[in-house]
Structures are given as structure tokens and as C-alpha cells.
PDB file of N, CA and C in Angstrom:
ATOM      1  N   MET A   1       0.963  -0.848  -0.020  1.00  0.00           N
ATOM      2  CA  MET A   1       0.355   0.007  -0.095  1.00  0.00           C
ATOM      3  C   MET A   1       0.790   1.077  -0.237  1.00  0.00           C
ATOM      4  N   ASP A   2       0.654   1.952  -0.942  1.00  0.00           N
ATOM      5  CA  ASP A   2       1.588   3.490  -0.757  1.00  0.00           C
ATOM      6  C   ASP A   2       0.695   4.336   0.310  1.00  0.00           C
ATOM      7  N   ARG A   3       1.608   4.894   0.799  1.00  0.00           N
ATOM      8  CA  ARG A   3       1.319   5.984   1.819  1.00  0.00           C
ATOM      9  C   ARG A   3       0.959   7.336   1.011  1.00  0.00           C
ATOM     10  N   PRO A   4      -0.216   8.089   2.201  1.00  0.00           N
ATOM     11  CA  PRO A   4      -0.713   8.758   2.108  1.00  0.00           C
ATOM     12  C   PRO A   4       0.873  10.410   1.723  1.00  0.00           C
ATOM     13  N   GLY A   5       0.868  11.056   0.825  1.00  0.00           N
ATOM     14  CA  GLY A   5       1.527  12.084   0.752  1.00  0.00           C
ATOM     15  C   GLY A   5       2.098  12.875   1.939  1.00  0.00           C
ATOM     16  N   LYS A   6       1.144  13.161   3.285  1.00  0.00           N
ATOM     17  CA  LYS A   6       1.014  13.546   4.251  1.00  0.00           C
ATOM     18  C   LYS A   6       1.681  13.279   5.126  1.00  0.00           C
ATOM     19  N   PHE A   7       1.833  11.469   4.728  1.00  0.00           N
ATOM     20  CA  PHE A   7       2.432  10.780   5.988  1.00  0.00           C
ATOM     21  C   PHE A   7       3.541  10.001   5.310  1.00  0.00           C
ATOM     22  N   GLU A   8       4.157  10.413   4.243  1.00  0.00           N
ATOM     23  CA  GLU A   8       5.346   9.378   3.558  1.00  0.00           C
ATOM     24  C   GLU A   8       6.275   9.279   4.535  1.00  0.00           C
ATOM     25  N   HIS A   9       6.731  10.116   5.543  1.00  0.00           N
ATOM     26  CA  HIS A   9       7.846   9.363   6.784  1.00  0.00           C
ATOM     27  C   HIS A   9       7.322   9.147   7.724  1.00  0.00           C
ATOM     28  N   HIS A  10       5.762   8.497   7.746  1.00  0.00           N
ATOM     29  CA  HIS A  10       5.477   7.804   8.902  1.00  0.00           C
ATOM     30  C   HIS A  10       4.759   6.607   8.811  1.00  0.00           C
ATOM     31  N   ARG A  11       4.725   5.968   9.673  1.00  0.00           N
ATOM     32  CA  ARG A  11       4.797   4.207   9.878  1.00  0.00           C
ATOM     33  C   ARG A  11       3.432   4.272  10.673  1.00  0.00           C
ATOM     34  N   TRP A  12       2.887   5.046  11.808  1.00  0.00           N
ATOM     35  CA  TRP A  12       1.786   5.025  12.528  1.00  0.00           C
ATOM     36  C   TRP A  12       0.593   5.985  12.233  1.00  0.00           C
ATOM     37  N   LEU A  13      -0.226   5.846  11.958  1.00  0.00           N
ATOM     38  CA  LEU A  13      -1.660   6.721  11.831  1.00  0.00           C
ATOM     39  C   LEU A  13      -2.438   6.474  12.436  1.00  0.00           C
ATOM     40  N   GLY A  14      -3.039   7.131  13.346  1.00  0.00           N
ATOM     41  CA  GLY A  14      -4.287   7.182  13.994  1.00  0.00           C
ATOM     42  C   GLY A  14      -5.506   7.438  13.695  1.00  0.00           C
ATOM     43  N   ASP A  15      -7.128   7.387  14.120  1.00  0.00           N
ATOM     44  CA  ASP A  15      -8.122   7.141  13.732  1.00  0.00           C
ATOM     45  C   ASP A  15      -8.726   8.332  14.926  1.00  0.00           C
ATOM     46  N   LYS A  16      -8.770   9.822  15.001  1.00  0.00           N
ATOM     47  CA  LYS A  16      -9.179  10.411  15.826  1.00  0.00           C
ATOM     48  C   LYS A  16     -10.818   9.744  16.833  1.00  0.00           C
ATOM     49  N   ARG A  17     -11.589   9.320  15.278  1.00  0.00           N
ATOM     50  CA  ARG A  17     -12.784   9.136  15.425  1.00  0.00           C
ATOM     51  C   ARG A  17     -13.041   7.844  16.390  1.00  0.00           C
ATOM     52  N   THR A  18     -12.210   6.804  16.281  1.00  0.00           N
ATOM     53  CA  THR A  18     -12.545   5.605  17.055  1.00  0.00           C
ATOM     54  C   THR A  18     -10.998   5.544  18.049  1.00  0.00           C
ATOM     55  N   GLN A  19     -10.091   6.107  18.045  1.00  0.00           N
ATOM     56  CA  GLN A  19      -8.735   6.005  18.833  1.00  0.00           C
ATOM     57  C   GLN A  19      -8.150   4.650  18.212  1.00  0.00           C
ATOM     58  N   VAL A  20      -8.048   4.118  16.780  1.00  0.00           N
ATOM     59  CA  VAL A  20      -7.047   2.848  16.818  1.00  0.00           C
ATOM     60  C   VAL A  20      -6.149   3.732  15.951  1.00  0.00           C
ATOM     61  N   VAL A  21      -4.812   3.125  15.881  1.00  0.00           N
ATOM     62  CA  VAL A  21      -3.460   3.479  15.078  1.00  0.00           C
ATOM     63  C   VAL A  21      -3.796   2.286  13.816  1.00  0.00           C
ATOM     64  N   TYR A  22      -3.077   2.567  13.196  1.00  0.00           N
ATOM     65  CA  TYR A  22      -2.871   1.690  11.707  1.00  0.00           C
ATOM     66  C   TYR A  22      -1.576   2.041  11.234  1.00  0.00           C
ATOM     67  N   ASP A  23      -1.005   0.450  11.321  1.00  0.00           N
ATOM     68  CA  ASP A  23       0.166   0.140  10.464  1.00  0.00           C
ATOM     69  C   ASP A  23       0.802   0.478   9.558  1.00  0.00           C
ATOM     70  N   LEU A  24       0.792   1.308   8.590  1.00  0.00           N
ATOM     71  CA  LEU A  24       1.054   1.991   7.367  1.00  0.00           C
ATOM     72  C   LEU A  24       1.921   1.014   6.585  1.00  0.00           C
ATOM     73  N   ASP A  25       2.660   0.468   6.995  1.00  0.00           N
ATOM     74  CA  ASP A  25       3.958  -0.797   6.615  1.00  0.00           C
ATOM     75  C   ASP A  25       3.087  -1.739   6.225  1.00  0.00           C
ATOM     76  N   ASN A  26       2.344  -2.640   7.214  1.00  0.00           N
ATOM     77  CA  ASN A  26       1.380  -3.785   7.002  1.00  0.00           C
ATOM     78  C   ASN A  26       0.083  -3.940   6.620  1.00  0.00           C
ATOM     79  N   LEU A  27      -0.533  -2.984   6.410  1.00  0.00           N
ATOM     80  CA  LEU A  27      -2.002  -2.911   6.177  1.00  0.00           C
ATOM     81  C   LEU A  27      -2.212  -2.835   5.345  1.00  0.00           C
ATOM     82  N   GLU A  28      -3.205  -4.274   4.888  1.00  0.00           N
ATOM     83  CA  GLU A  28      -3.389  -4.958   3.718  1.00  0.00           C
ATOM     84  C   GLU A  28      -5.240  -4.283   3.176  1.00  0.00           C
ATOM     85  N   GLU A  29      -5.416  -3.323   4.048  1.00  0.00           N
ATOM     86  CA  GLU A  29      -6.929  -2.662   3.668  1.00  0.00           C
ATOM     87  C   GLU A  29      -6.700  -1.468   3.174  1.00  0.00           C
ATOM     88  N   PRO A  30      -6.160  -0.822   1.921  1.00  0.00           N
ATOM     89  CA  PRO A  30      -5.871   0.715   1.844  1.00  0.00           C
ATOM     90  C   PRO A  30      -7.803   1.583   1.813  1.00  0.00           C
ATOM     91  N   ASP A  31      -8.233   1.004   1.694  1.00  0.00           N
ATOM     92  CA  ASP A  31      -9.742   1.187   1.832  1.00  0.00           C
ATOM     93  C   ASP A  31      -9.838   1.815   2.888  1.00  0.00           C
ATOM     94  N   LEU A  32      -9.442   1.139   4.127  1.00  0.00           N
ATOM     95  CA  LEU A  32      -9.476   2.138   5.752  1.00  0.00           C
ATOM     96  C   LEU A  32      -8.931   3.761   5.460  1.00  0.00           C
ATOM     97  N   ILE A  33      -7.524   4.051   4.908  1.00  0.00           N
ATOM     98  CA  ILE A  33      -6.745   4.821   4.872  1.00  0.00           C
ATOM     99  C   ILE A  33      -7.278   5.847   4.457  1.00  0.00           C
ATOM    100  N   GLU A  34      -7.999   5.164   3.025  1.00  0.00           N
ATOM    101  CA  GLU A  34      -8.811   6.135   2.191  1.00  0.00           C
ATOM    102  C   GLU A  34      -9.735   6.863   2.658  1.00  0.00           C
ATOM    103  N   GLU A  35     -10.752   6.202   3.360  1.00  0.00           N
ATOM    104  CA  GLU A  35     -11.631   6.838   3.748  1.00  0.00           C
ATOM    105  C   GLU A  35     -11.370   7.510   4.920  1.00  0.00           C
ATOM    106  N   LEU A  36     -10.138   7.716   6.000  1.00  0.00           N
ATOM    107  CA  LEU A  36      -9.815   8.303   6.996  1.00  0.00           C
ATOM    108  C   LEU A  36      -8.955   9.546   6.297  1.00  0.00           C
ATOM    109  N   MET A  37      -8.905   9.339   5.108  1.00  0.00           N
ATOM    110  CA  MET A  37      -7.604  10.822   4.847  1.00  0.00           C
ATOM    111  C   MET A  37      -9.319  11.387   4.439  1.00  0.00           C
ATOM    112  N   ALA A  38     -10.525  11.009   3.459  1.00  0.00           N
ATOM    113  CA  ALA A  38     -11.552  11.821   3.323  1.00  0.00           C
ATOM    114  C   ALA A  38     -12.028  12.280   4.578  1.00  0.00           C
ATOM    115  N   ALA A  39     -12.126  11.993   5.264  1.00  0.00           N
ATOM    116  CA  ALA A  39     -12.843  12.391   6.760  1.00  0.00           C
ATOM    117  C   ALA A  39     -11.625  12.971   7.239  1.00  0.00           C
ATOM    118  N   GLU A  40     -10.704  13.382   6.792  1.00  0.00           N
ATOM    119  CA  GLU A  40      -9.984  14.417   7.710  1.00  0.00           C
ATOM    120  C   GLU A  40      -9.995  14.189   9.091  1.00  0.00           C
ATOM    121  N   SER A  41      -9.744  13.059   9.501  1.00  0.00           N
ATOM    122  CA  SER A  41      -9.625  12.704  10.983  1.00  0.00           C
ATOM    123  C   SER A  41      -8.239  11.537  11.321  1.00  0.00           C
ATOM    124  N   TYR A  42      -7.040  11.928  11.317  1.00  0.00           N
ATOM    125  CA  TYR A  42      -5.984  11.389  11.516  1.00  0.00           C
ATOM    126  C   TYR A  42      -5.592  12.301  12.321  1.00  0.00           C
ATOM    127  N   LEU A  43      -4.150  11.605  12.735  1.00  0.00           N
ATOM    128  CA  LEU A  43      -3.357  11.765  13.678  1.00  0.00           C
ATOM    129  C   LEU A  43      -1.696  11.608  13.306  1.00  0.00           C
ATOM    130  N   CYS A  44      -0.953  11.699  13.664  1.00  0.00           N
ATOM    131  CA  CYS A  44       0.324  11.016  13.373  1.00  0.00           C
ATOM    132  C   CYS A  44       1.165  11.476  14.885  1.00  0.00           C
ATOM    133  N   PHE A  45       2.135  10.779  15.268  1.00  0.00           N
ATOM    134  CA  PHE A  45       2.798  10.477  16.403  1.00  0.00           C
ATOM    135  C   PHE A  45       4.221  10.760  16.646  1.00  0.00           C
ATOM    136  N   GLY A  46       4.691  11.496  17.347  1.00  0.00           N
ATOM    137  CA  GLY A  46       6.067  12.169  17.703  1.00  0.00           C
ATOM    138  C   GLY A  46       6.284  11.634  18.991  1.00  0.00           C
ATOM    139  N   PRO A  47       7.282  10.521  19.060  1.00  0.00           N
ATOM    140  CA  PRO A  47       8.148  10.085  18.191  1.00  0.00           C
ATOM    141  C   PRO A  47       7.024   8.853  17.589  1.00  0.00           C
ATOM    142  N   ASP A  48       7.364   8.330  16.135  1.00  0.00           N
ATOM    143  CA  ASP A  48       6.331   7.464  15.289  1.00  0.00           C
ATOM    144  C   ASP A  48       6.241   6.184  15.608  1.00  0.00           C
ATOM    145  N   THR A  49       6.036   6.028  17.031  1.00  0.00           N
ATOM    146  CA  THR A  49       5.924   4.717  17.632  1.00  0.00           C
ATOM    147  C   THR A  49       4.753   3.845  18.026  1.00  0.00           C
ATOM    148  N   LEU A  50       4.491   2.829  18.068  1.00  0.00           N
ATOM    149  CA  LEU A  50       3.150   2.314  18.614  1.00  0.00           C
ATOM    150  C   LEU A  50       3.101   2.751  20.466  1.00  0.00           C
ATOM    151  N   PRO A  51       4.315   2.535  20.719  1.00  0.00           N
ATOM    152  CA  PRO A  51       4.048   2.991  22.365  1.00  0.00           C
ATOM    153  C   PRO A  51       3.809   4.033  22.196  1.00  0.00           C
ATOM    154  N   GLU A  52       3.797   5.412  21.570  1.00  0.00           N
ATOM    155  CA  GLU A  52       3.564   6.662  21.902  1.00  0.00           C
ATOM    156  C   GLU A  52       2.217   6.869  21.099  1.00  0.00           C
ATOM    157  N   ALA A  53       1.494   5.836  20.374  1.00  0.00           N
ATOM    158  CA  ALA A  53       0.266   5.796  19.956  1.00  0.00           C
ATOM    159  C   ALA A  53      -0.713   5.312  21.338  1.00  0.00           C
ATOM    160  N   ARG A  54      -0.287   4.511  21.916  1.00  0.00           N
ATOM    161  CA  ARG A  54      -0.649   3.859  22.930  1.00  0.00           C
ATOM    162  C   ARG A  54      -0.687   4.891  24.342  1.00  0.00           C
ATOM    163  N   ASN A  55       0.277   5.324  24.182  1.00  0.00           N
ATOM    164  CA  ASN A  55       0.364   6.700  25.243  1.00  0.00           C
ATOM    165  C   ASN A  55      -0.446   7.271  24.897  1.00  0.00           C
ATOM    166  N   ARG A  56      -0.857   7.731  23.886  1.00  0.00           N
ATOM    167  CA  ARG A  56      -1.918   8.870  23.699  1.00  0.00           C
ATOM    168  C   ARG A  56      -3.899   8.713  23.517  1.00  0.00           C
ATOM    169  N   GLY A  57      -3.672   6.890  24.230  1.00  0.00           N
ATOM    170  CA  GLY A  57      -4.717   6.443  23.940  1.00  0.00           C
ATOM    171  C   GLY A  57      -5.588   5.727  23.143  1.00  0.00           C
ATOM    172  N   TYR A  58      -4.585   5.550  22.144  1.00  0.00           N
ATOM    173  CA  TYR A  58      -5.073   4.679  20.955  1.00  0.00           C
ATOM    174  C   TYR A  58      -4.758   3.364  20.723  1.00  0.00           C
ATOM    175  N   ARG A  59      -5.472   2.423  20.340  1.00  0.00           N
ATOM    176  CA  ARG A  59      -5.257   0.928  20.442  1.00  0.00           C
ATOM    177  C   ARG A  59      -4.831   0.404  19.076  1.00  0.00           C
ATOM    178  N   PRO A  60      -3.997  -0.364  19.126  1.00  0.00           N
ATOM    179  CA  PRO A  60      -4.017  -0.709  17.795  1.00  0.00           C
ATOM    180  C   PRO A  60      -5.068  -1.325  16.474  1.00  0.00           C
ATOM    181  N   TYR A  61      -4.954  -1.622  15.681  1.00  0.00           N
ATOM    182  CA  TYR A  61      -5.782  -1.979  14.748  1.00  0.00           C
ATOM    183  C   TYR A  61      -5.792  -3.499  14.974  1.00  0.00           C
ATOM    184  N   LYS A  62      -6.787  -4.620  15.039  1.00  0.00           N
ATOM    185  CA  LYS A  62      -6.806  -5.781  14.933  1.00  0.00           C
ATOM    186  C   LYS A  62      -5.757  -6.386  16.164  1.00  0.00           C
ATOM    187  N   GLY A  63      -5.219  -5.493  17.102  1.00  0.00           N
ATOM    188  CA  GLY A  63      -5.000  -6.018  18.201  1.00  0.00           C
ATOM    189  C   GLY A  63      -3.474  -5.791  18.850  1.00  0.00           C
ATOM    190  N   ASN A  64      -2.677  -5.527  17.254  1.00  0.00           N
ATOM    191  CA  ASN A  64      -1.278  -5.322  16.981  1.00  0.00           C
ATOM    192  C   ASN A  64      -0.617  -4.435  16.623  1.00  0.00           C
ATOM    193  N   GLY A  65      -1.641  -3.837  15.773  1.00  0.00           N
ATOM    194  CA  GLY A  65      -1.507  -2.706  14.802  1.00  0.00           C
ATOM    195  C   GLY A  65      -1.147  -2.771  13.246  1.00  0.00           C
ATOM    196  N   SER A  66      -0.859  -4.230  13.065  1.00  0.00           N
ATOM    197  CA  SER A  66      -0.236  -4.455  11.975  1.00  0.00           C
ATOM    198  C   SER A  66      -1.395  -4.883  10.850  1.00  0.00           C
ATOM    199  N   GLY A  67      -2.554  -5.065  11.433  1.00  0.00           N
ATOM    200  CA  GLY A  67      -3.380  -5.234  10.398  1.00  0.00           C
ATOM    201  C   GLY A  67      -3.118  -6.774  10.020  1.00  0.00           C
ATOM    202  N   VAL A  68      -2.700  -7.017  10.879  1.00  0.00           N
ATOM    203  CA  VAL A  68      -2.592  -8.660  10.664  1.00  0.00           C
ATOM    204  C   VAL A  68      -2.556  -9.566  11.977  1.00  0.00           C
ATOM    205  N   ALA A  69      -3.967 -10.428  12.349  1.00  0.00           N
ATOM    206  CA  ALA A  69      -3.873 -10.981  13.765  1.00  0.00           C
ATOM    207  C   ALA A  69      -2.616 -11.565  13.979  1.00  0.00           C
ATOM    208  N   ASP A  70      -2.295 -11.593  15.350  1.00  0.00           N
ATOM    209  CA  ASP A  70      -0.859 -12.396  15.889  1.00  0.00           C
ATOM    210  C   ASP A  70       0.511 -12.021  14.702  1.00  0.00           C
ATOM    211  N   ALA A  71       0.413 -10.939  14.428  1.00  0.00           N
ATOM    212  CA  ALA A  71       1.453 -10.495  13.703  1.00  0.00           C
ATOM    213  C   ALA A  71       2.554 -10.196  14.487  1.00  0.00           C
ATOM    214  N   ASP A  72       3.980 -10.178  14.815  1.00  0.00           N
ATOM    215  CA  ASP A  72       4.983  -9.664  15.690  1.00  0.00           C
ATOM    216  C   ASP A  72       5.059  -8.434  15.201  1.00  0.00           C
ATOM    217  N   VAL A  73       4.687  -7.460  15.673  1.00  0.00           N
ATOM    218  CA  VAL A  73       5.371  -5.849  15.283  1.00  0.00           C
ATOM    219  C   VAL A  73       6.247  -5.214  16.358  1.00  0.00           C
ATOM    220  N   SER A  74       7.809  -5.103  15.779  1.00  0.00           N
ATOM    221  CA  SER A  74       8.415  -4.349  16.416  1.00  0.00           C
ATOM    222  C   SER A  74       8.367  -2.811  16.453  1.00  0.00           C
ATOM    223  N   ALA A  75       8.060  -2.362  17.707  1.00  0.00           N
ATOM    224  CA  ALA A  75       7.710  -0.352  17.160  1.00  0.00           C
ATOM    225  C   ALA A  75       9.176   0.018  17.341  1.00  0.00           C
TER     226      ALA A  75
END
């Protein structure tokens, strides 16, 4: 999946509406990000890590942020 232009240097992208964070490196459902961009309710994190997203109250997509259940994701 190609990253949105504004987030070409970011891996983790959050949805403000649902408090879910997506791993752009491993997401196999580009429709989710296209809809998020259209709604303009996204957020990136600094530092760009899963622990920082969790620190801000976001939960990973499908349990681990990768979009794939049981995947090993190192942040």
C-alpha cells in the first residue's frame, strides 16, 4: 500500500474518531486509510512509534497495529 503524501515518512497513523492506530507498513486494507483521509480525522505521532500511540490512548488495529492478527510488530 502506498502511504498518503502527508505521511510518507510516518509508519503509525491514528483515527481520531475511533482512537485506533494503523500500521501503514503492514496494512492490507487501503480502503481504511482512503476513508480516513477523506474524513480528515487523522493524527500522526512523535515519536512515530506504537508505544507513543498507546500513550495517547490509541489502540492498535486488530490487536497489534499491523492489520494482521498475531503478527509480531516491533515498534
